[in-house]
N, C-alpha and C. Protein backbone atom coordinates (compact mmCIF):
# COMPACT_ATOMS: atom_id res chain seq x y z
N UNK A 1 80.39 29.80 -30.20
CA UNK A 1 81.42 29.88 -29.12
C UNK A 1 82.21 31.07 -29.35
N UNK A 2 81.59 32.28 -28.91
CA UNK A 2 82.40 33.52 -29.09
C UNK A 2 82.17 34.39 -27.82
N UNK A 3 82.99 34.11 -26.80
CA UNK A 3 82.87 34.85 -25.55
C UNK A 3 83.23 36.33 -25.69
N UNK A 4 83.94 36.63 -26.74
CA UNK A 4 84.42 38.03 -26.96
C UNK A 4 83.24 39.00 -27.01
N UNK A 5 82.11 38.62 -27.56
CA UNK A 5 80.97 39.53 -27.66
C UNK A 5 80.50 40.00 -26.29
N UNK A 6 80.70 39.20 -25.24
CA UNK A 6 80.19 39.54 -23.91
C UNK A 6 81.23 39.98 -22.94
N UNK A 7 82.50 39.89 -23.33
CA UNK A 7 83.58 40.13 -22.39
C UNK A 7 83.47 41.60 -21.80
N UNK A 8 83.26 42.62 -22.56
CA UNK A 8 83.14 43.98 -22.05
C UNK A 8 82.06 44.06 -20.96
N UNK A 9 80.92 43.50 -21.29
CA UNK A 9 79.85 43.49 -20.30
C UNK A 9 80.13 42.75 -19.01
N UNK A 10 80.82 41.60 -19.12
CA UNK A 10 81.22 40.86 -17.96
C UNK A 10 82.20 41.58 -17.14
N UNK A 11 83.18 42.23 -17.75
CA UNK A 11 84.15 43.00 -16.97
C UNK A 11 83.46 44.15 -16.26
N UNK A 12 82.56 44.81 -16.99
CA UNK A 12 81.82 45.93 -16.34
C UNK A 12 81.01 45.40 -15.12
N UNK A 13 80.34 44.33 -15.38
CA UNK A 13 79.51 43.75 -14.22
C UNK A 13 80.38 43.29 -13.03
N UNK A 14 81.61 43.06 -13.23
CA UNK A 14 82.60 42.61 -12.26
C UNK A 14 83.05 43.84 -11.41
N UNK A 15 82.68 45.01 -11.88
CA UNK A 15 82.99 46.19 -11.08
C UNK A 15 84.04 47.07 -11.69
N UNK A 16 84.67 46.73 -12.84
CA UNK A 16 85.59 47.55 -13.43
C UNK A 16 84.94 48.73 -14.08
N UNK A 17 85.54 49.88 -14.03
CA UNK A 17 84.94 51.14 -14.56
C UNK A 17 85.73 51.61 -15.83
N UNK A 18 85.00 52.32 -16.66
CA UNK A 18 85.61 52.88 -17.85
C UNK A 18 86.23 51.82 -18.80
N UNK A 19 85.50 50.68 -18.91
CA UNK A 19 86.01 49.58 -19.69
C UNK A 19 85.86 50.01 -21.15
N UNK A 20 86.95 49.84 -21.89
CA UNK A 20 86.97 50.11 -23.32
C UNK A 20 87.23 48.81 -24.10
N UNK A 21 86.62 48.78 -25.26
CA UNK A 21 86.77 47.60 -26.09
C UNK A 21 87.58 48.00 -27.34
N UNK A 22 88.52 47.11 -27.68
CA UNK A 22 89.30 47.23 -28.91
C UNK A 22 89.05 45.97 -29.71
N UNK A 23 88.75 46.17 -31.00
CA UNK A 23 88.58 45.08 -31.94
C UNK A 23 89.72 45.07 -32.91
N UNK A 24 90.35 43.87 -33.05
CA UNK A 24 91.46 43.76 -34.00
C UNK A 24 91.44 42.42 -34.64
N UNK A 25 92.16 42.30 -35.73
CA UNK A 25 92.23 41.01 -36.46
C UNK A 25 93.05 40.05 -35.73
N UNK A 26 92.57 38.78 -35.59
CA UNK A 26 93.41 37.73 -35.00
C UNK A 26 93.25 36.49 -35.91
N UNK A 27 94.11 36.41 -36.87
CA UNK A 27 94.04 35.26 -37.80
C UNK A 27 94.39 33.94 -37.18
N UNK A 28 93.86 32.92 -37.68
CA UNK A 28 94.26 31.52 -37.33
C UNK A 28 95.22 30.97 -38.37
N UNK A 29 96.28 30.35 -37.92
CA UNK A 29 97.25 29.77 -38.80
C UNK A 29 98.23 30.88 -39.25
N UNK A 30 99.04 30.58 -40.23
CA UNK A 30 100.15 31.45 -40.61
C UNK A 30 99.90 32.02 -42.04
N UNK A 31 98.65 32.24 -42.44
CA UNK A 31 98.39 32.73 -43.85
C UNK A 31 98.70 34.20 -44.10
N UNK A 32 98.59 35.10 -43.08
CA UNK A 32 98.79 36.54 -43.46
C UNK A 32 100.20 36.81 -44.05
N UNK A 33 100.28 37.78 -44.86
CA UNK A 33 101.58 38.20 -45.37
C UNK A 33 102.31 39.08 -44.33
N UNK A 34 101.58 39.87 -43.57
CA UNK A 34 102.14 40.74 -42.58
C UNK A 34 102.77 39.91 -41.45
N UNK A 35 104.06 40.17 -41.17
CA UNK A 35 104.80 39.32 -40.24
C UNK A 35 104.15 39.36 -38.83
N UNK A 36 103.64 40.44 -38.38
CA UNK A 36 103.07 40.53 -37.06
C UNK A 36 101.71 39.65 -37.02
N UNK A 37 100.89 39.80 -38.06
CA UNK A 37 99.70 39.01 -38.08
C UNK A 37 99.97 37.53 -38.26
N UNK A 38 101.03 37.23 -39.01
CA UNK A 38 101.43 35.83 -39.20
C UNK A 38 101.83 35.20 -37.82
N UNK A 39 102.60 36.04 -36.98
CA UNK A 39 102.99 35.48 -35.68
C UNK A 39 101.77 35.30 -34.81
N UNK A 40 100.85 36.28 -34.89
CA UNK A 40 99.60 36.17 -34.09
C UNK A 40 98.84 34.96 -34.49
N UNK A 41 98.75 34.67 -35.79
CA UNK A 41 98.03 33.44 -36.26
C UNK A 41 98.63 32.16 -35.77
N UNK A 42 99.94 32.10 -35.69
CA UNK A 42 100.64 30.95 -35.20
C UNK A 42 100.25 30.70 -33.74
N UNK A 43 100.24 31.76 -32.87
CA UNK A 43 99.97 31.72 -31.50
C UNK A 43 98.51 31.42 -31.26
N UNK A 44 97.59 31.95 -32.06
CA UNK A 44 96.15 31.64 -32.01
C UNK A 44 95.93 30.18 -32.25
N UNK A 45 96.57 29.63 -33.29
CA UNK A 45 96.44 28.21 -33.58
C UNK A 45 96.98 27.39 -32.45
N UNK A 46 98.13 27.72 -31.93
CA UNK A 46 98.71 26.99 -30.82
C UNK A 46 97.78 27.01 -29.59
N UNK A 47 97.18 28.15 -29.31
CA UNK A 47 96.30 28.24 -28.16
C UNK A 47 95.08 27.34 -28.36
N UNK A 48 94.56 27.28 -29.56
CA UNK A 48 93.41 26.48 -29.87
C UNK A 48 93.72 25.01 -29.77
N UNK A 49 94.83 24.62 -30.42
CA UNK A 49 95.29 23.18 -30.40
C UNK A 49 95.56 22.71 -28.99
N UNK A 50 96.25 23.49 -28.20
CA UNK A 50 96.60 23.09 -26.85
C UNK A 50 95.35 23.10 -25.96
N UNK A 51 94.31 23.89 -26.25
CA UNK A 51 93.16 24.00 -25.44
C UNK A 51 92.01 23.15 -25.88
N UNK A 52 92.17 22.36 -26.94
CA UNK A 52 91.03 21.52 -27.45
C UNK A 52 90.42 20.65 -26.41
N UNK A 53 91.21 20.10 -25.51
CA UNK A 53 90.68 19.24 -24.51
C UNK A 53 89.71 20.06 -23.59
N UNK A 54 90.09 21.25 -23.24
CA UNK A 54 89.21 22.07 -22.37
C UNK A 54 87.97 22.42 -23.13
N UNK A 55 88.04 22.71 -24.45
CA UNK A 55 86.79 23.14 -25.20
C UNK A 55 85.84 21.96 -25.22
N UNK A 56 86.31 20.77 -25.34
CA UNK A 56 85.44 19.66 -25.60
C UNK A 56 85.10 18.67 -24.49
N UNK A 57 85.82 18.80 -23.40
CA UNK A 57 85.75 17.80 -22.31
C UNK A 57 84.28 17.58 -21.81
N UNK A 58 83.71 18.70 -21.37
CA UNK A 58 82.37 18.55 -20.77
C UNK A 58 81.34 18.22 -21.78
N UNK A 59 81.39 18.79 -22.96
CA UNK A 59 80.41 18.46 -24.01
C UNK A 59 80.48 17.00 -24.44
N UNK A 60 81.72 16.51 -24.68
CA UNK A 60 81.80 15.09 -25.12
C UNK A 60 81.42 14.15 -23.97
N UNK A 61 81.68 14.48 -22.75
CA UNK A 61 81.36 13.62 -21.65
C UNK A 61 79.87 13.63 -21.39
N UNK A 62 79.28 14.87 -21.23
CA UNK A 62 77.90 14.93 -20.88
C UNK A 62 76.84 14.67 -22.01
N UNK A 63 77.28 15.10 -23.21
CA UNK A 63 76.32 14.95 -24.32
C UNK A 63 76.51 13.66 -25.05
N UNK A 64 77.81 13.39 -25.35
CA UNK A 64 78.03 12.12 -26.12
C UNK A 64 78.28 10.89 -25.24
N UNK A 65 78.48 11.13 -23.95
CA UNK A 65 78.67 10.03 -23.01
C UNK A 65 79.99 9.34 -23.12
N UNK A 66 80.97 10.05 -23.66
CA UNK A 66 82.34 9.44 -23.78
C UNK A 66 83.07 9.44 -22.53
N UNK A 67 83.97 8.42 -22.33
CA UNK A 67 84.88 8.38 -21.23
C UNK A 67 86.08 9.29 -21.43
N UNK A 68 86.80 9.57 -20.39
CA UNK A 68 88.04 10.41 -20.52
C UNK A 68 88.99 9.86 -21.65
N UNK A 69 89.14 8.51 -21.65
CA UNK A 69 89.95 7.97 -22.63
C UNK A 69 89.36 8.14 -24.08
N UNK A 70 88.06 8.04 -24.17
CA UNK A 70 87.38 8.18 -25.44
C UNK A 70 87.57 9.61 -25.94
N UNK A 71 87.47 10.59 -25.01
CA UNK A 71 87.67 12.01 -25.34
C UNK A 71 89.10 12.27 -25.84
N UNK A 72 90.00 11.69 -25.12
CA UNK A 72 91.48 11.89 -25.49
C UNK A 72 91.70 11.32 -26.91
N UNK A 73 91.19 10.10 -27.22
CA UNK A 73 91.34 9.48 -28.48
C UNK A 73 90.71 10.38 -29.62
N UNK A 74 89.51 10.84 -29.33
CA UNK A 74 88.78 11.66 -30.33
C UNK A 74 89.54 12.92 -30.61
N UNK A 75 90.04 13.59 -29.52
CA UNK A 75 90.77 14.86 -29.68
C UNK A 75 92.11 14.64 -30.32
N UNK A 76 92.65 13.49 -30.21
CA UNK A 76 93.99 13.19 -30.83
C UNK A 76 93.82 12.83 -32.28
N UNK A 77 92.53 12.65 -32.72
CA UNK A 77 92.30 12.32 -34.12
C UNK A 77 92.70 10.93 -34.50
N UNK A 78 92.71 10.02 -33.56
CA UNK A 78 93.11 8.66 -33.79
C UNK A 78 91.95 7.75 -33.97
């Protein structure tokens, strides 16, 4: 699950010109010593945690056959 590999191509295919790609570190959680990377890690974690429902909804429903309630319970870790 790494859409970043294809993003430049997708943007170019959408009609954007002179698309440039920048690769940078994006840690998860707050482990880096560098204050800026630490803050990025906190936001990356927050983005993942708040988006877990979106990442798993279709997969858990279509493949595992779970109900909406079952998906919510599984994502909540209960």
